[in-house]
């Protein structure tokens, strides 16, 4: 298997753009996305 160099900055930018598009699509339909955290254990 050969090594592959990943440009983290470019990858994160693409992910942010994709998430922004999905959030916009949800907002147009009247759904407001949110973020939740579930803590498990003590």
PDB file of N, CA and C in Angstrom:
ATOM      1  N   UNK A   1       0.852  -1.173   0.000  1.00  0.00           N
ATOM      2  CA  UNK A   1       0.000   0.000   0.000  1.00  0.00           C
ATOM      3  C   UNK A   1       0.895   1.232   0.000  1.00  0.00           C
ATOM      4  N   UNK A   2       0.615   2.150  -0.878  1.00  0.00           N
ATOM      5  CA  UNK A   2       1.426   3.359  -0.962  1.00  0.00           C
ATOM      6  C   UNK A   2       0.860   4.443  -0.055  1.00  0.00           C
ATOM      7  N   UNK A   3       1.730   5.299   0.404  1.00  0.00           N
ATOM      8  CA  UNK A   3       1.320   6.410   1.262  1.00  0.00           C
ATOM      9  C   UNK A   3       0.628   7.478   0.429  1.00  0.00           C
ATOM     10  N   UNK A   4      -0.319   8.144   1.045  1.00  0.00           N
ATOM     11  CA  UNK A   4      -1.027   9.219   0.356  1.00  0.00           C
ATOM     12  C   UNK A   4      -1.023  10.438   1.267  1.00  0.00           C
ATOM     13  N   UNK A   5      -0.540  11.545   0.746  1.00  0.00           N
ATOM     14  CA  UNK A   5      -0.474  12.783   1.513  1.00  0.00           C
ATOM     15  C   UNK A   5      -1.829  13.470   1.429  1.00  0.00           C
ATOM     16  N   UNK A   6      -2.352  13.857   2.594  1.00  0.00           N
ATOM     17  CA  UNK A   6      -3.658  14.506   2.661  1.00  0.00           C
ATOM     18  C   UNK A   6      -3.461  15.955   3.081  1.00  0.00           C
ATOM     19  N   UNK A   7      -4.052  16.868   2.322  1.00  0.00           N
ATOM     20  CA  UNK A   7      -4.008  18.289   2.658  1.00  0.00           C
ATOM     21  C   UNK A   7      -5.184  18.574   3.588  1.00  0.00           C
ATOM     22  N   UNK A   8      -4.905  18.650   4.881  1.00  0.00           N
ATOM     23  CA  UNK A   8      -5.955  18.830   5.881  1.00  0.00           C
ATOM     24  C   UNK A   8      -6.738  20.114   5.713  1.00  0.00           C
ATOM     25  N   UNK A   9      -6.077  21.191   5.344  1.00  0.00           N
ATOM     26  CA  UNK A   9      -6.761  22.477   5.181  1.00  0.00           C
ATOM     27  C   UNK A   9      -7.759  22.416   4.027  1.00  0.00           C
ATOM     28  N   UNK A  10      -7.350  21.841   2.914  1.00  0.00           N
ATOM     29  CA  UNK A  10      -8.242  21.730   1.757  1.00  0.00           C
ATOM     30  C   UNK A  10      -9.398  20.777   2.055  1.00  0.00           C
ATOM     31  N   UNK A  11      -9.110  19.684   2.733  1.00  0.00           N
ATOM     32  CA  UNK A  11     -10.147  18.720   3.083  1.00  0.00           C
ATOM     33  C   UNK A  11     -11.171  19.341   4.023  1.00  0.00           C
ATOM     34  N   UNK A  12     -10.703  20.064   5.032  1.00  0.00           N
ATOM     35  CA  UNK A  12     -11.635  20.695   5.973  1.00  0.00           C
ATOM     36  C   UNK A  12     -12.482  21.754   5.275  1.00  0.00           C
ATOM     37  N   UNK A  13     -11.919  22.456   4.320  1.00  0.00           N
ATOM     38  CA  UNK A  13     -12.678  23.464   3.569  1.00  0.00           C
ATOM     39  C   UNK A  13     -13.798  22.808   2.772  1.00  0.00           C
ATOM     40  N   UNK A  14     -13.493  21.682   2.120  1.00  0.00           N
ATOM     41  CA  UNK A  14     -14.520  20.967   1.354  1.00  0.00           C
ATOM     42  C   UNK A  14     -15.628  20.457   2.263  1.00  0.00           C
ATOM     43  N   UNK A  15     -15.253  19.943   3.428  1.00  0.00           N
ATOM     44  CA  UNK A  15     -16.251  19.439   4.375  1.00  0.00           C
ATOM     45  C   UNK A  15     -17.131  20.576   4.868  1.00  0.00           C
ATOM     46  N   UNK A  16     -16.526  21.714   5.194  1.00  0.00           N
ATOM     47  CA  UNK A  16     -17.305  22.871   5.656  1.00  0.00           C
ATOM     48  C   UNK A  16     -18.289  23.340   4.589  1.00  0.00           C
ATOM     49  N   UNK A  17     -17.852  23.364   3.329  1.00  0.00           N
ATOM     50  CA  UNK A  17     -18.729  23.788   2.237  1.00  0.00           C
ATOM     51  C   UNK A  17     -19.900  22.822   2.072  1.00  0.00           C
ATOM     52  N   UNK A  18     -19.622  21.527   2.165  1.00  0.00           N
ATOM     53  CA  UNK A  18     -20.680  20.529   2.035  1.00  0.00           C
ATOM     54  C   UNK A  18     -21.684  20.644   3.180  1.00  0.00           C
ATOM     55  N   UNK A  19     -21.188  20.818   4.392  1.00  0.00           N
ATOM     56  CA  UNK A  19     -22.077  20.964   5.548  1.00  0.00           C
ATOM     57  C   UNK A  19     -22.912  22.235   5.411  1.00  0.00           C
ATOM     58  N   UNK A  20     -22.306  23.319   4.958  1.00  0.00           N
ATOM     59  CA  UNK A  20     -23.038  24.576   4.778  1.00  0.00           C
ATOM     60  C   UNK A  20     -24.166  24.404   3.764  1.00  0.00           C
ATOM     61  N   UNK A  21     -23.925  23.669   2.688  1.00  0.00           N
ATOM     62  CA  UNK A  21     -24.969  23.425   1.689  1.00  0.00           C
ATOM     63  C   UNK A  21     -26.111  22.613   2.283  1.00  0.00           C
ATOM     64  N   UNK A  22     -25.770  21.599   3.065  1.00  0.00           N
ATOM     65  CA  UNK A  22     -26.804  20.766   3.680  1.00  0.00           C
ATOM     66  C   UNK A  22     -27.615  21.550   4.702  1.00  0.00           C
ATOM     67  N   UNK A  23     -26.950  22.395   5.478  1.00  0.00           N
ATOM     68  CA  UNK A  23     -27.647  23.219   6.463  1.00  0.00           C
ATOM     69  C   UNK A  23     -28.588  24.188   5.755  1.00  0.00           C
ATOM     70  N   UNK A  24     -28.136  24.784   4.669  1.00  0.00           N
ATOM     71  CA  UNK A  24     -28.983  25.701   3.902  1.00  0.00           C
ATOM     72  C   UNK A  24     -30.210  24.983   3.354  1.00  0.00           C
ATOM     73  N   UNK A  25     -30.015  23.763   2.858  1.00  0.00           N
ATOM     74  CA  UNK A  25     -31.138  22.990   2.325  1.00  0.00           C
ATOM     75  C   UNK A  25     -32.145  22.683   3.423  1.00  0.00           C
ATOM     76  N   UNK A  26     -31.667  22.328   4.606  1.00  0.00           N
ATOM     77  CA  UNK A  26     -32.577  22.066   5.722  1.00  0.00           C
ATOM     78  C   UNK A  26     -33.297  23.334   6.150  1.00  0.00           C
ATOM     79  N   UNK A  27     -32.590  24.450   6.191  1.00  0.00           N
ATOM     80  CA  UNK A  27     -33.188  25.720   6.610  1.00  0.00           C
ATOM     81  C   UNK A  27     -34.290  26.142   5.642  1.00  0.00           C
ATOM     82  N   UNK A  28     -34.111  25.881   4.358  1.00  0.00           N
ATOM     83  CA  UNK A  28     -35.135  26.217   3.365  1.00  0.00           C
ATOM     84  C   UNK A  28     -36.414  25.419   3.593  1.00  0.00           C
ATOM     85  N   UNK A  29     -36.271  24.217   4.152  1.00  0.00           N
ATOM     86  CA  UNK A  29     -37.432  23.366   4.418  1.00  0.00           C
ATOM     87  C   UNK A  29     -38.035  23.643   5.793  1.00  0.00           C
ATOM     88  N   UNK A  30     -37.452  24.580   6.537  1.00  0.00           N
ATOM     89  CA  UNK A  30     -37.992  24.939   7.838  1.00  0.00           C
ATOM     90  C   UNK A  30     -37.409  24.162   9.002  1.00  0.00           C
ATOM     91  N   UNK A  31     -36.408  23.346   8.759  1.00  0.00           N
ATOM     92  CA  UNK A  31     -35.766  22.581   9.821  1.00  0.00           C
ATOM     93  C   UNK A  31     -34.499  23.293  10.245  1.00  0.00           C
ATOM     94  N   UNK A  32     -34.384  23.551  11.541  1.00  0.00           N
ATOM     95  CA  UNK A  32     -33.183  24.209  12.043  1.00  0.00           C
ATOM     96  C   UNK A  32     -32.262  23.157  12.649  1.00  0.00           C
ATOM     97  N   UNK A  33     -31.125  22.894  12.029  1.00  0.00           N
ATOM     98  CA  UNK A  33     -30.208  21.886  12.553  1.00  0.00           C
ATOM     99  C   UNK A  33     -29.575  22.347  13.861  1.00  0.00           C
ATOM    100  N   UNK A  34     -29.229  21.382  14.694  1.00  0.00           N
ATOM    101  CA  UNK A  34     -28.586  21.687  15.968  1.00  0.00           C
ATOM    102  C   UNK A  34     -27.497  20.667  16.258  1.00  0.00           C
ATOM    103  N   UNK A  35     -26.881  20.835  17.390  1.00  0.00           N
ATOM    104  CA  UNK A  35     -25.807  19.945  17.804  1.00  0.00           C
ATOM    105  C   UNK A  35     -26.116  19.452  19.206  1.00  0.00           C
ATOM    106  N   UNK A  36     -25.989  18.157  19.422  1.00  0.00           N
ATOM    107  CA  UNK A  36     -26.256  17.577  20.736  1.00  0.00           C
ATOM    108  C   UNK A  36     -25.054  16.754  21.174  1.00  0.00           C
ATOM    109  N   UNK A  37     -24.869  16.681  22.480  1.00  0.00           N
ATOM    110  CA  UNK A  37     -23.783  15.890  23.054  1.00  0.00           C
ATOM    111  C   UNK A  37     -24.389  14.913  24.045  1.00  0.00           C
ATOM    112  N   UNK A  38     -23.992  13.659  23.954  1.00  0.00           N
ATOM    113  CA  UNK A  38     -24.468  12.642  24.882  1.00  0.00           C
ATOM    114  C   UNK A  38     -23.262  12.151  25.670  1.00  0.00           C
ATOM    115  N   UNK A  39     -23.293  12.334  26.989  1.00  0.00           N
ATOM    116  CA  UNK A  39     -22.209  11.881  27.850  1.00  0.00           C
ATOM    117  C   UNK A  39     -22.578  10.520  28.427  1.00  0.00           C
ATOM    118  N   UNK A  40     -21.675   9.561  28.301  1.00  0.00           N
ATOM    119  CA  UNK A  40     -21.924   8.214  28.793  1.00  0.00           C
ATOM    120  C   UNK A  40     -20.885   7.893  29.843  1.00  0.00           C
ATOM    121  N   UNK A  41     -21.301   7.341  30.952  1.00  0.00           N
ATOM    122  CA  UNK A  41     -20.374   6.962  32.006  1.00  0.00           C
ATOM    123  C   UNK A  41     -20.307   8.016  33.087  1.00  0.00           C
ATOM    124  N   UNK A  42     -19.417   7.766  34.027  1.00  0.00           N
ATOM    125  CA  UNK A  42     -19.317   8.678  35.168  1.00  0.00           C
ATOM    126  C   UNK A  42     -18.053   9.474  35.162  1.00  0.00           C
TER     127      UNK A  42
END
